[in-house]
Structure formats: C-alpha cells, structure tokens
N, C-alpha and C. Protein backbone atom coordinates (compact mmCIF):
# COMPACT_ATOMS: atom_id res chain seq x y z
N MET A 1 94.67 130.39 126.99
CA MET A 1 95.56 130.59 128.12
C MET A 1 94.81 130.30 129.41
N SER A 2 95.46 129.65 130.37
CA SER A 2 94.84 129.31 131.64
C SER A 2 94.64 130.56 132.48
N ALA A 3 93.81 130.42 133.53
CA ALA A 3 93.60 131.55 134.44
C ALA A 3 94.92 131.99 135.06
N ARG A 4 95.78 131.03 135.37
CA ARG A 4 97.08 131.37 135.94
C ARG A 4 97.92 132.18 134.97
N GLY A 5 97.92 131.77 133.69
CA GLY A 5 98.68 132.50 132.69
C GLY A 5 98.12 133.90 132.45
N LEU A 6 96.80 134.02 132.43
CA LEU A 6 96.16 135.32 132.26
C LEU A 6 96.50 136.25 133.42
N ASN A 7 96.48 135.66 134.61
CA ASN A 7 96.80 136.43 135.80
C ASN A 7 98.24 136.95 135.72
N ALA A 8 99.16 136.08 135.34
CA ALA A 8 100.57 136.47 135.24
C ALA A 8 100.77 137.55 134.19
N GLN A 9 100.07 137.41 133.07
CA GLN A 9 100.19 138.42 132.02
C GLN A 9 99.64 139.75 132.50
N GLY A 10 98.53 139.70 133.23
CA GLY A 10 97.94 140.92 133.78
C GLY A 10 98.87 141.61 134.77
N VAL A 11 99.57 140.82 135.58
CA VAL A 11 100.52 141.40 136.53
C VAL A 11 101.63 142.13 135.79
N ARG A 12 102.15 141.53 134.72
CA ARG A 12 103.21 142.19 133.94
C ARG A 12 102.71 143.52 133.36
N GLN A 13 101.47 143.51 132.86
CA GLN A 13 100.93 144.75 132.29
C GLN A 13 100.70 145.80 133.38
N PHE A 14 100.25 145.35 134.56
CA PHE A 14 100.07 146.27 135.67
C PHE A 14 101.39 146.93 136.04
N GLU A 15 102.45 146.14 136.11
CA GLU A 15 103.77 146.67 136.48
C GLU A 15 104.30 147.64 135.44
N GLN A 16 103.78 147.56 134.20
CA GLN A 16 104.16 148.48 133.14
C GLN A 16 103.18 149.65 133.02
N ALA A 17 102.30 149.77 134.04
CA ALA A 17 101.29 150.84 134.09
C ALA A 17 100.27 150.74 132.96
N GLN A 18 100.08 149.55 132.42
CA GLN A 18 99.06 149.31 131.40
C GLN A 18 97.80 148.78 132.12
N TYR A 19 97.16 149.65 132.86
CA TYR A 19 96.12 149.21 133.78
C TYR A 19 94.86 148.70 133.08
N GLU A 20 94.45 149.36 132.02
CA GLU A 20 93.25 148.91 131.30
C GLU A 20 93.46 147.51 130.74
N GLN A 21 94.63 147.27 130.16
CA GLN A 21 94.93 145.94 129.60
C GLN A 21 95.01 144.90 130.72
N ALA A 22 95.61 145.29 131.84
CA ALA A 22 95.71 144.37 132.98
C ALA A 22 94.32 143.97 133.47
N ILE A 23 93.42 144.94 133.53
CA ILE A 23 92.05 144.66 133.97
C ILE A 23 91.40 143.62 133.07
N GLN A 24 91.61 143.73 131.79
CA GLN A 24 91.04 142.75 130.85
C GLN A 24 91.56 141.35 131.14
N GLN A 25 92.84 141.23 131.42
CA GLN A 25 93.42 139.91 131.71
C GLN A 25 92.86 139.35 133.02
N PHE A 26 92.76 140.17 134.03
CA PHE A 26 92.25 139.71 135.31
C PHE A 26 90.77 139.31 135.20
N GLN A 27 90.01 140.09 134.43
CA GLN A 27 88.59 139.74 134.24
C GLN A 27 88.45 138.40 133.53
N GLN A 28 89.29 138.16 132.54
CA GLN A 28 89.24 136.88 131.83
C GLN A 28 89.67 135.75 132.75
N ALA A 29 90.65 135.99 133.60
CA ALA A 29 91.08 134.96 134.56
C ALA A 29 89.94 134.61 135.50
N ILE A 30 89.19 135.59 135.94
CA ILE A 30 88.05 135.34 136.83
C ILE A 30 86.95 134.57 136.09
N TYR A 31 86.75 134.94 134.82
CA TYR A 31 85.74 134.22 134.01
C TYR A 31 86.11 132.74 133.90
N ASP A 32 87.41 132.47 133.71
CA ASP A 32 87.86 131.09 133.55
C ASP A 32 87.91 130.35 134.88
N ASP A 33 88.17 131.08 135.97
CA ASP A 33 88.28 130.45 137.29
C ASP A 33 87.64 131.37 138.33
N PRO A 34 86.32 131.29 138.50
CA PRO A 34 85.62 132.22 139.41
C PRO A 34 86.05 132.12 140.86
N ALA A 35 86.70 131.01 141.25
CA ALA A 35 87.12 130.84 142.64
C ALA A 35 88.52 131.39 142.90
N ASN A 36 89.14 131.97 141.88
CA ASN A 36 90.53 132.42 142.00
C ASN A 36 90.60 133.72 142.81
N ALA A 37 91.00 133.62 144.07
CA ALA A 37 91.05 134.80 144.95
C ALA A 37 92.11 135.79 144.48
N ASP A 38 93.25 135.29 144.00
CA ASP A 38 94.32 136.19 143.56
C ASP A 38 93.88 137.06 142.39
N ALA A 39 93.13 136.48 141.45
CA ALA A 39 92.65 137.26 140.31
C ALA A 39 91.70 138.37 140.78
N HIS A 40 90.85 138.06 141.76
CA HIS A 40 89.96 139.09 142.30
C HIS A 40 90.76 140.18 142.99
N TYR A 41 91.79 139.79 143.75
CA TYR A 41 92.64 140.77 144.42
C TYR A 41 93.36 141.64 143.39
N ASN A 42 93.91 141.03 142.36
CA ASN A 42 94.62 141.79 141.33
C ASN A 42 93.70 142.77 140.62
N LEU A 43 92.47 142.32 140.34
CA LEU A 43 91.51 143.20 139.68
C LEU A 43 91.16 144.37 140.59
N ALA A 44 90.97 144.08 141.87
CA ALA A 44 90.71 145.15 142.84
C ALA A 44 91.86 146.15 142.87
N SER A 45 93.09 145.64 142.88
CA SER A 45 94.26 146.52 142.93
C SER A 45 94.35 147.40 141.68
N ALA A 46 94.01 146.84 140.52
CA ALA A 46 94.06 147.61 139.29
C ALA A 46 93.01 148.72 139.30
N TYR A 47 91.80 148.39 139.74
CA TYR A 47 90.76 149.42 139.84
C TYR A 47 91.14 150.46 140.89
N HIS A 48 91.75 150.00 141.98
CA HIS A 48 92.20 150.92 143.03
C HIS A 48 93.21 151.91 142.47
N ARG A 49 94.19 151.40 141.73
CA ARG A 49 95.20 152.29 141.16
C ARG A 49 94.58 153.27 140.18
N LEU A 50 93.72 152.78 139.29
CA LEU A 50 93.08 153.67 138.32
C LEU A 50 92.19 154.70 139.01
N GLY A 51 91.46 154.24 140.02
CA GLY A 51 90.58 155.15 140.74
C GLY A 51 91.35 156.26 141.43
N THR A 52 92.51 155.91 141.98
CA THR A 52 93.34 156.91 142.64
C THR A 52 93.93 157.89 141.63
N LEU A 53 94.45 157.36 140.52
CA LEU A 53 95.06 158.22 139.51
C LEU A 53 94.04 159.16 138.87
N ASN A 54 92.85 158.62 138.61
CA ASN A 54 91.83 159.39 137.89
C ASN A 54 90.81 160.06 138.80
N LYS A 55 91.00 159.88 140.13
CA LYS A 55 90.02 160.39 141.09
C LYS A 55 88.60 159.96 140.71
N SER A 56 88.48 158.68 140.42
CA SER A 56 87.22 158.11 139.95
C SER A 56 86.54 157.32 141.05
N GLU A 57 85.41 157.81 141.53
CA GLU A 57 84.66 157.09 142.56
C GLU A 57 84.13 155.76 142.04
N SER A 58 83.82 155.71 140.75
CA SER A 58 83.31 154.49 140.16
C SER A 58 84.36 153.38 140.22
N TYR A 59 85.57 153.71 139.83
CA TYR A 59 86.65 152.71 139.90
C TYR A 59 86.90 152.29 141.35
N LEU A 60 86.87 153.23 142.27
CA LEU A 60 87.14 152.91 143.66
C LEU A 60 86.04 152.02 144.25
N ARG A 61 84.80 152.24 143.83
CA ARG A 61 83.71 151.35 144.28
C ARG A 61 83.93 149.95 143.75
N GLN A 62 84.35 149.85 142.50
CA GLN A 62 84.63 148.53 141.94
C GLN A 62 85.80 147.86 142.66
N ALA A 63 86.81 148.65 143.01
CA ALA A 63 87.94 148.11 143.75
C ALA A 63 87.48 147.51 145.07
N GLU A 64 86.66 148.26 145.80
CA GLU A 64 86.17 147.76 147.09
C GLU A 64 85.35 146.49 146.91
N GLN A 65 84.53 146.46 145.87
CA GLN A 65 83.71 145.28 145.60
C GLN A 65 84.60 144.05 145.36
N TYR A 66 85.64 144.21 144.56
CA TYR A 66 86.49 143.06 144.24
C TYR A 66 87.39 142.67 145.42
N TYR A 67 87.76 143.63 146.26
CA TYR A 67 88.49 143.24 147.48
C TYR A 67 87.61 142.32 148.34
N HIS A 68 86.35 142.68 148.48
CA HIS A 68 85.44 141.84 149.27
C HIS A 68 85.22 140.48 148.61
N MET A 69 85.13 140.46 147.30
CA MET A 69 84.96 139.19 146.60
C MET A 69 86.19 138.30 146.76
N CYS A 70 87.36 138.93 146.81
CA CYS A 70 88.58 138.17 147.08
C CYS A 70 88.51 137.52 148.46
N LEU A 71 88.09 138.29 149.46
CA LEU A 71 88.02 137.76 150.82
C LEU A 71 86.93 136.71 150.97
N ASP A 72 85.89 136.80 150.15
CA ASP A 72 84.87 135.74 150.14
C ASP A 72 85.47 134.41 149.70
N ARG A 73 86.46 134.47 148.86
CA ARG A 73 87.09 133.26 148.32
C ARG A 73 88.30 132.81 149.13
N ASN A 74 88.93 133.73 149.82
CA ASN A 74 90.07 133.40 150.69
C ASN A 74 90.03 134.35 151.89
N ALA A 75 89.49 133.86 152.97
CA ALA A 75 89.26 134.71 154.15
C ALA A 75 90.54 135.14 154.84
N ASN A 76 91.69 134.62 154.42
CA ASN A 76 92.97 134.99 155.04
C ASN A 76 93.95 135.57 154.03
N HIS A 77 93.44 136.18 152.98
CA HIS A 77 94.29 136.77 151.94
C HIS A 77 94.86 138.08 152.47
N HIS A 78 96.10 138.05 153.01
CA HIS A 78 96.58 139.22 153.74
C HIS A 78 96.85 140.41 152.84
N GLN A 79 97.25 140.18 151.57
CA GLN A 79 97.43 141.31 150.67
C GLN A 79 96.10 142.02 150.41
N CYS A 80 95.04 141.23 150.35
CA CYS A 80 93.72 141.81 150.12
C CYS A 80 93.27 142.63 151.32
N TYR A 81 93.50 142.11 152.52
CA TYR A 81 93.17 142.89 153.72
C TYR A 81 93.93 144.21 153.72
N ARG A 82 95.20 144.15 153.37
CA ARG A 82 96.01 145.36 153.35
C ARG A 82 95.47 146.36 152.34
N GLY A 83 95.20 145.87 151.11
CA GLY A 83 94.69 146.75 150.08
C GLY A 83 93.37 147.39 150.44
N LEU A 84 92.46 146.60 151.02
CA LEU A 84 91.16 147.13 151.40
C LEU A 84 91.30 148.14 152.54
N ALA A 85 92.17 147.84 153.51
CA ALA A 85 92.38 148.79 154.61
C ALA A 85 92.93 150.11 154.09
N VAL A 86 93.86 150.04 153.16
CA VAL A 86 94.42 151.27 152.56
C VAL A 86 93.31 152.06 151.88
N LEU A 87 92.47 151.37 151.12
CA LEU A 87 91.38 152.05 150.42
C LEU A 87 90.44 152.75 151.40
N LEU A 88 90.11 152.07 152.49
CA LEU A 88 89.19 152.66 153.47
C LEU A 88 89.80 153.89 154.12
N VAL A 89 91.08 153.82 154.45
CA VAL A 89 91.74 154.98 155.06
C VAL A 89 91.78 156.14 154.08
N GLU A 90 92.07 155.85 152.82
CA GLU A 90 92.12 156.91 151.80
C GLU A 90 90.77 157.60 151.65
N GLN A 91 89.70 156.89 151.98
CA GLN A 91 88.36 157.46 151.86
C GLN A 91 87.85 158.02 153.19
N ASP A 92 88.77 158.26 154.12
CA ASP A 92 88.43 158.80 155.45
C ASP A 92 87.47 157.87 156.20
N ARG A 93 87.69 156.57 156.05
CA ARG A 93 86.89 155.56 156.74
C ARG A 93 87.80 154.75 157.67
N LYS A 94 88.59 155.49 158.46
CA LYS A 94 89.59 154.88 159.32
C LYS A 94 88.97 153.86 160.27
N ASP A 95 87.83 154.20 160.86
CA ASP A 95 87.20 153.28 161.82
C ASP A 95 86.84 151.95 161.17
N GLU A 96 86.39 152.01 159.92
CA GLU A 96 86.06 150.77 159.20
C GLU A 96 87.32 149.95 158.96
N ALA A 97 88.43 150.63 158.66
CA ALA A 97 89.68 149.92 158.43
C ALA A 97 90.13 149.19 159.69
N PHE A 98 90.03 149.86 160.85
CA PHE A 98 90.39 149.21 162.11
C PHE A 98 89.47 148.04 162.41
N ARG A 99 88.18 148.22 162.19
CA ARG A 99 87.24 147.11 162.45
C ARG A 99 87.53 145.92 161.54
N LEU A 100 87.86 146.20 160.29
CA LEU A 100 88.18 145.14 159.34
C LEU A 100 89.35 144.29 159.85
N LEU A 101 90.45 144.96 160.24
CA LEU A 101 91.64 144.23 160.65
C LEU A 101 91.49 143.63 162.04
N GLU A 102 90.78 144.31 162.93
CA GLU A 102 90.55 143.75 164.26
C GLU A 102 89.69 142.49 164.18
N GLY A 103 88.70 142.51 163.30
CA GLY A 103 87.86 141.32 163.12
C GLY A 103 88.67 140.16 162.59
N TRP A 104 89.57 140.44 161.64
CA TRP A 104 90.44 139.40 161.10
C TRP A 104 91.34 138.83 162.20
N ALA A 105 91.91 139.72 163.01
CA ALA A 105 92.80 139.27 164.08
C ALA A 105 92.05 138.42 165.11
N ASP A 106 90.80 138.77 165.38
CA ASP A 106 90.01 138.00 166.34
C ASP A 106 89.70 136.60 165.80
N ARG A 107 89.47 136.52 164.48
CA ARG A 107 89.11 135.23 163.88
C ARG A 107 90.32 134.33 163.68
N VAL A 108 91.46 134.91 163.37
CA VAL A 108 92.65 134.13 163.02
C VAL A 108 93.73 134.38 164.08
N THR A 109 93.87 133.47 164.99
CA THR A 109 94.83 133.63 166.09
C THR A 109 96.10 132.81 165.88
N THR A 110 96.16 132.04 164.80
CA THR A 110 97.31 131.17 164.57
C THR A 110 98.28 131.74 163.54
N SER A 111 98.01 132.92 163.02
CA SER A 111 98.88 133.55 162.02
C SER A 111 99.30 134.92 162.52
N PRO A 112 100.55 135.34 162.26
CA PRO A 112 100.98 136.68 162.67
C PRO A 112 100.47 137.79 161.75
N GLU A 113 100.00 137.44 160.56
CA GLU A 113 99.68 138.46 159.56
C GLU A 113 98.63 139.47 160.02
N PRO A 114 97.50 139.05 160.65
CA PRO A 114 96.53 140.07 161.08
C PRO A 114 97.12 141.09 162.04
N LYS A 115 97.93 140.62 162.98
CA LYS A 115 98.54 141.54 163.94
C LYS A 115 99.54 142.48 163.26
N ILE A 116 100.27 141.96 162.28
CA ILE A 116 101.23 142.80 161.56
C ILE A 116 100.51 143.92 160.82
N GLU A 117 99.42 143.58 160.15
CA GLU A 117 98.67 144.60 159.41
C GLU A 117 98.01 145.60 160.35
N LEU A 118 97.52 145.11 161.49
CA LEU A 118 96.92 146.00 162.47
C LEU A 118 97.98 146.94 163.05
N ALA A 119 99.17 146.42 163.29
CA ALA A 119 100.27 147.25 163.78
C ALA A 119 100.60 148.34 162.78
N ARG A 120 100.64 147.99 161.50
CA ARG A 120 100.92 148.98 160.46
C ARG A 120 99.92 150.13 160.53
N LEU A 121 98.65 149.78 160.70
CA LEU A 121 97.61 150.80 160.73
C LEU A 121 97.77 151.69 161.96
N TYR A 122 98.05 151.08 163.11
CA TYR A 122 98.27 151.89 164.31
C TYR A 122 99.47 152.81 164.15
N GLN A 123 100.56 152.29 163.57
CA GLN A 123 101.75 153.10 163.39
C GLN A 123 101.48 154.28 162.46
N GLU A 124 100.76 154.02 161.39
CA GLU A 124 100.45 155.09 160.44
C GLU A 124 99.60 156.19 161.07
N HIS A 125 98.87 155.84 162.13
CA HIS A 125 98.04 156.84 162.80
C HIS A 125 98.67 157.33 164.10
N GLY A 126 99.98 157.11 164.22
CA GLY A 126 100.74 157.72 165.31
C GLY A 126 100.71 157.02 166.63
N ASN A 127 100.12 155.81 166.70
CA ASN A 127 100.05 155.09 167.97
C ASN A 127 101.14 154.02 168.01
N ARG A 128 102.37 154.45 168.28
CA ARG A 128 103.49 153.52 168.28
C ARG A 128 103.37 152.47 169.39
N LYS A 129 102.87 152.90 170.53
CA LYS A 129 102.77 151.97 171.67
C LYS A 129 101.90 150.78 171.32
N GLU A 130 100.74 151.04 170.71
CA GLU A 130 99.84 149.94 170.35
C GLU A 130 100.40 149.14 169.18
N ALA A 131 101.05 149.82 168.24
CA ALA A 131 101.68 149.11 167.13
C ALA A 131 102.74 148.14 167.66
N LYS A 132 103.52 148.61 168.61
CA LYS A 132 104.55 147.76 169.21
C LYS A 132 103.92 146.54 169.89
N ARG A 133 102.83 146.78 170.62
CA ARG A 133 102.16 145.66 171.30
C ARG A 133 101.64 144.63 170.30
N GLN A 134 101.08 145.10 169.20
CA GLN A 134 100.56 144.18 168.18
C GLN A 134 101.68 143.35 167.57
N LEU A 135 102.83 143.97 167.33
CA LEU A 135 103.95 143.23 166.73
C LEU A 135 104.53 142.21 167.70
N ILE A 136 104.58 142.56 168.97
CA ILE A 136 105.04 141.59 169.97
C ILE A 136 104.10 140.40 170.02
N GLU A 137 102.79 140.67 169.92
CA GLU A 137 101.81 139.58 169.88
C GLU A 137 102.01 138.72 168.63
N ALA A 138 102.27 139.38 167.50
CA ALA A 138 102.49 138.64 166.25
C ALA A 138 103.70 137.72 166.38
N LEU A 139 104.74 138.19 167.05
CA LEU A 139 105.96 137.39 167.19
C LEU A 139 105.79 136.25 168.19
N ARG A 140 104.79 136.31 169.01
CA ARG A 140 104.49 135.16 169.86
C ARG A 140 103.97 133.99 169.02
N THR A 141 103.31 134.34 167.92
CA THR A 141 102.82 133.31 167.00
C THR A 141 103.93 132.78 166.12
N ASP A 142 104.78 133.67 165.63
CA ASP A 142 105.90 133.30 164.77
C ASP A 142 107.11 134.13 165.19
N PRO A 143 107.96 133.60 166.10
CA PRO A 143 109.05 134.38 166.68
C PRO A 143 110.09 134.87 165.68
N ASN A 144 110.14 134.29 164.49
CA ASN A 144 111.17 134.66 163.52
C ASN A 144 110.58 135.25 162.24
N HIS A 145 109.42 135.86 162.33
CA HIS A 145 108.81 136.45 161.14
C HIS A 145 109.59 137.69 160.73
N PRO A 146 110.24 137.70 159.56
CA PRO A 146 111.16 138.80 159.22
C PRO A 146 110.49 140.16 159.12
N ARG A 147 109.28 140.22 158.57
CA ARG A 147 108.63 141.52 158.42
C ARG A 147 108.20 142.08 159.78
N ALA A 148 107.71 141.20 160.65
CA ALA A 148 107.33 141.65 161.99
C ALA A 148 108.55 142.14 162.77
N LEU A 149 109.67 141.43 162.65
CA LEU A 149 110.89 141.83 163.35
C LEU A 149 111.42 143.16 162.83
N ALA A 150 111.41 143.34 161.50
CA ALA A 150 111.89 144.60 160.93
C ALA A 150 110.99 145.76 161.36
N ALA A 151 109.69 145.53 161.36
CA ALA A 151 108.75 146.59 161.76
C ALA A 151 108.91 146.93 163.24
N LEU A 152 109.09 145.91 164.07
CA LEU A 152 109.31 146.15 165.49
C LEU A 152 110.62 146.90 165.72
N GLY A 153 111.65 146.53 164.95
CA GLY A 153 112.91 147.25 165.05
C GLY A 153 112.76 148.72 164.72
N LYS A 154 111.98 149.03 163.68
CA LYS A 154 111.77 150.43 163.29
C LYS A 154 111.05 151.20 164.40
N ILE A 155 110.03 150.60 164.97
CA ILE A 155 109.30 151.28 166.04
C ILE A 155 110.21 151.51 167.24
N ARG A 156 110.98 150.49 167.60
CA ARG A 156 111.89 150.65 168.74
C ARG A 156 112.96 151.69 168.46
N GLU A 157 113.44 151.74 167.23
CA GLU A 157 114.42 152.77 166.88
C GLU A 157 113.81 154.16 167.01
N ASP A 158 112.59 154.32 166.52
CA ASP A 158 111.91 155.62 166.62
C ASP A 158 111.65 156.02 168.07
N MET A 159 111.50 155.02 168.95
CA MET A 159 111.23 155.29 170.36
C MET A 159 112.52 155.40 171.18
N GLY A 160 113.67 155.31 170.50
CA GLY A 160 114.95 155.46 171.19
C GLY A 160 115.49 154.20 171.81
N GLU A 161 114.87 153.06 171.55
CA GLU A 161 115.31 151.78 172.11
C GLU A 161 116.29 151.14 171.12
N LEU A 162 117.46 151.74 170.99
CA LEU A 162 118.35 151.42 169.88
C LEU A 162 118.96 150.02 169.99
N SER A 163 119.33 149.61 171.18
CA SER A 163 119.93 148.28 171.34
C SER A 163 118.94 147.18 170.96
N GLN A 164 117.70 147.32 171.43
CA GLN A 164 116.67 146.33 171.09
C GLN A 164 116.33 146.39 169.60
N ALA A 165 116.33 147.59 169.04
CA ALA A 165 116.05 147.74 167.61
C ALA A 165 117.10 147.00 166.80
N LEU A 166 118.36 147.14 167.17
CA LEU A 166 119.44 146.47 166.45
C LEU A 166 119.26 144.95 166.52
N THR A 167 118.90 144.45 167.68
CA THR A 167 118.67 143.01 167.82
C THR A 167 117.54 142.54 166.91
N ASP A 168 116.45 143.31 166.87
CA ASP A 168 115.31 142.93 166.01
C ASP A 168 115.71 142.93 164.54
N TYR A 169 116.43 143.97 164.12
CA TYR A 169 116.88 144.03 162.73
C TYR A 169 117.77 142.84 162.38
N GLN A 170 118.68 142.50 163.28
CA GLN A 170 119.60 141.39 163.02
C GLN A 170 118.85 140.07 162.93
N ARG A 171 117.87 139.88 163.79
CA ARG A 171 117.07 138.65 163.73
C ARG A 171 116.28 138.59 162.43
N SER A 172 115.78 139.74 161.99
CA SER A 172 115.04 139.79 160.72
C SER A 172 115.94 139.40 159.56
N LEU A 173 117.17 139.92 159.56
CA LEU A 173 118.11 139.59 158.48
C LEU A 173 118.54 138.13 158.55
N TRP A 174 118.64 137.59 159.74
CA TRP A 174 118.99 136.18 159.88
C TRP A 174 117.95 135.30 159.18
N LYS A 175 116.69 135.72 159.25
CA LYS A 175 115.62 134.95 158.60
C LYS A 175 115.51 135.27 157.12
N ASP A 176 115.75 136.51 156.74
CA ASP A 176 115.66 136.93 155.33
C ASP A 176 116.73 137.98 155.08
N ARG A 177 117.85 137.56 154.47
CA ARG A 177 118.98 138.47 154.29
C ARG A 177 118.79 139.42 153.12
N PHE A 178 117.76 139.23 152.32
CA PHE A 178 117.53 140.09 151.15
C PHE A 178 116.64 141.27 151.53
N GLN A 179 117.11 142.09 152.45
CA GLN A 179 116.38 143.28 152.90
C GLN A 179 117.39 144.45 153.00
N PRO A 180 117.68 145.12 151.89
CA PRO A 180 118.71 146.15 151.91
C PRO A 180 118.44 147.29 152.88
N GLU A 181 117.16 147.66 153.06
CA GLU A 181 116.85 148.75 153.98
C GLU A 181 117.19 148.35 155.42
N VAL A 182 116.88 147.09 155.77
CA VAL A 182 117.19 146.62 157.11
C VAL A 182 118.70 146.53 157.31
N SER A 183 119.41 146.06 156.29
CA SER A 183 120.86 146.00 156.37
C SER A 183 121.45 147.40 156.61
N ALA A 184 120.87 148.41 155.96
CA ALA A 184 121.36 149.78 156.14
C ALA A 184 121.15 150.26 157.56
N ARG A 185 120.03 149.91 158.17
CA ARG A 185 119.78 150.32 159.55
C ARG A 185 120.72 149.60 160.52
N VAL A 186 120.99 148.33 160.25
CA VAL A 186 121.94 147.59 161.09
C VAL A 186 123.30 148.26 161.05
N ALA A 187 123.77 148.60 159.85
CA ALA A 187 125.08 149.25 159.71
C ALA A 187 125.10 150.59 160.43
N ALA A 188 124.02 151.37 160.31
CA ALA A 188 123.96 152.68 160.95
C ALA A 188 123.99 152.55 162.47
N LEU A 189 123.23 151.60 163.01
CA LEU A 189 123.20 151.43 164.46
C LEU A 189 124.52 150.89 164.98
N GLN A 190 125.10 149.95 164.26
CA GLN A 190 126.40 149.42 164.69
C GLN A 190 127.45 150.52 164.71
N SER A 191 127.40 151.41 163.73
CA SER A 191 128.33 152.54 163.69
C SER A 191 128.11 153.46 164.88
N ALA A 192 126.86 153.67 165.25
CA ALA A 192 126.54 154.54 166.38
C ALA A 192 127.04 153.96 167.69
N PHE A 193 127.05 152.62 167.78
CA PHE A 193 127.48 151.96 169.01
C PHE A 193 128.99 151.75 169.07
N SER A 194 129.70 151.97 167.95
CA SER A 194 131.13 151.68 167.91
C SER A 194 131.90 152.74 168.69
N PRO A 195 133.04 152.37 169.30
CA PRO A 195 133.83 153.32 170.10
C PRO A 195 134.72 154.19 169.22
N SER A 196 134.09 154.96 168.34
CA SER A 196 134.84 155.82 167.44
C SER A 196 134.34 157.24 167.61
N PRO A 197 135.06 158.24 167.05
CA PRO A 197 134.58 159.62 167.16
C PRO A 197 133.19 159.82 166.59
N LEU A 198 132.76 158.90 165.75
CA LEU A 198 131.42 159.04 165.16
C LEU A 198 130.35 158.46 166.06
N ALA A 199 130.77 157.90 167.19
CA ALA A 199 129.79 157.18 168.03
C ALA A 199 128.73 158.11 168.57
N ALA A 200 129.07 159.38 168.73
CA ALA A 200 128.08 160.30 169.29
C ALA A 200 127.11 160.81 168.25
N THR A 201 127.34 160.47 167.00
CA THR A 201 126.46 160.92 165.92
C THR A 201 125.21 160.06 165.87
N PRO A 202 124.03 160.66 165.84
CA PRO A 202 122.81 159.85 165.76
C PRO A 202 122.82 158.97 164.54
N PRO A 203 122.22 157.79 164.62
CA PRO A 203 122.18 156.89 163.46
C PRO A 203 121.59 157.59 162.26
N GLY A 204 122.23 157.40 161.11
CA GLY A 204 121.71 158.02 159.90
C GLY A 204 121.46 156.99 158.83
N GLY A 205 121.58 157.38 157.59
CA GLY A 205 121.37 156.44 156.51
C GLY A 205 119.97 156.54 155.96
N PRO A 206 119.68 155.75 154.96
CA PRO A 206 118.38 155.81 154.31
C PRO A 206 117.27 155.35 155.23
N PRO A 207 116.09 155.89 155.08
CA PRO A 207 114.97 155.44 155.91
C PRO A 207 114.60 154.01 155.57
N ILE A 208 114.19 153.29 156.59
CA ILE A 208 113.81 151.89 156.36
C ILE A 208 112.34 151.81 155.94
N VAL A 209 112.07 150.96 155.02
CA VAL A 209 110.69 150.70 154.59
C VAL A 209 110.28 149.39 155.23
N THR A 210 109.47 149.46 156.26
CA THR A 210 109.11 148.23 156.98
C THR A 210 107.80 147.63 156.49
N TRP A 211 106.99 148.44 155.82
CA TRP A 211 105.69 147.94 155.39
C TRP A 211 105.72 147.80 153.88
N ASP A 212 105.85 146.60 153.39
CA ASP A 212 105.87 146.40 151.96
C ASP A 212 104.53 146.81 151.37
N THR A 213 104.56 147.50 150.24
CA THR A 213 103.33 147.90 149.58
C THR A 213 102.64 146.69 148.99
N PRO A 214 101.32 146.73 148.92
CA PRO A 214 100.62 145.56 148.35
C PRO A 214 101.13 145.22 146.97
N THR A 215 101.45 143.97 146.75
CA THR A 215 101.90 143.51 145.45
C THR A 215 100.87 142.56 144.87
N LEU A 216 100.88 142.47 143.56
CA LEU A 216 99.92 141.59 142.90
C LEU A 216 100.37 140.15 143.05
N ARG A 217 99.43 139.24 142.79
CA ARG A 217 99.68 137.81 142.99
C ARG A 217 99.60 137.09 141.66
C-alpha cells in the first residue's frame, strides 16, 4: 500500500478511536515517504489524543516532536500549527503558543491562516479586541475567507455589534453555504431584527462553532 493509502487507512482508524492501529499506519506511511508532512501531522495528532486520554507525558512529548517534524517538512501546515498551539496551551505554555503563531504570521504575510489561528488563541484567552483586529487583518489578505468571516461575526455578535455580525455571517455563507452553525446564527439575528413581537428577544439558537477542531489529513 502506498503512503497515501496508509495515511487514509490510519485516518479511518483514528476516527473510529483505534489510535494504536492508526499510529502503526502513520508510522508506516512515514517510513515509505519520509517527506510526507501530513503523515507526520497525523501521527502527532494520534499521540496527542492518546497522551491526553491516558495523561501520558511520553505520548505528549512524541506528539510535540512529530508536530515539529511536520513543520520542518511544510512550514505552512496550518493544521499542524493549530495542533501544536493547542498542545502548548494544554501544558500551560501559553507564551510559547503565542510566539509560535506570531512567528508564523511574521513570516507568512500572503496567507490569512496565521492571523486566523492567532485570533483564535487571543479569543480563547479573552482578548476579543485583539482577536477582532487579527481577523480584520486576515480578511485584508483574503476578503472572502469563510472561516475568518464566521469567526469575526461571532466576535462582533459577542461584542453586541449585531448588524455587522449578521453581514459577516452572510458573507461567510455566500462563500461556503455548508455551515449549519452559521446558518443558525443568521436565522437568529434576522429574527431579532424583524418587526415582530419577538424582535425584542435577544438572539438565541445553538452556539456557533467558529474554530474547527484540527482534523487529520
């Protein structure tokens, strides 16, 4: 089986919570194709999951090692940056996580992804103002990036800027209509703005998930 096939098989096993088996597939994929950044990222993610579930420092060290090896092979692997930043925060190494993403953003000015990930980190640590600024910067690079628009809409909604939030959500859906959480927020805000007895009711509905969790490749 090719490295690509091994990687795909490992992803299926990971999704079925068969982490040990997935690790074997990813390791074989790396053996067959040492330059494969996705296989390194997937292996890091599997060790990360096992380390978290088992509270194993050994697995978590291996996860960090493979995240770095992934970035050695693809310096702009945004899922890997996200996974590594999450790992650092989980280990109370918040400053390292910020330095990691800030360094990426400084090096790569032509992609919105570094700013989006940096905004996520700021938002998670309660700094909405800086998260908003980072997302606006990201949209200067790609004005129609659906994830950046959805995330900006969520921040603006949380800050009470409901009209602007609705516009951001609608632009996000225009670019990618397969976002049920964003669709729910659009419906809730439109209902709040409608001239009906319910107009005075604060927007409700399910919470929006603006930051997709790291997925395997």
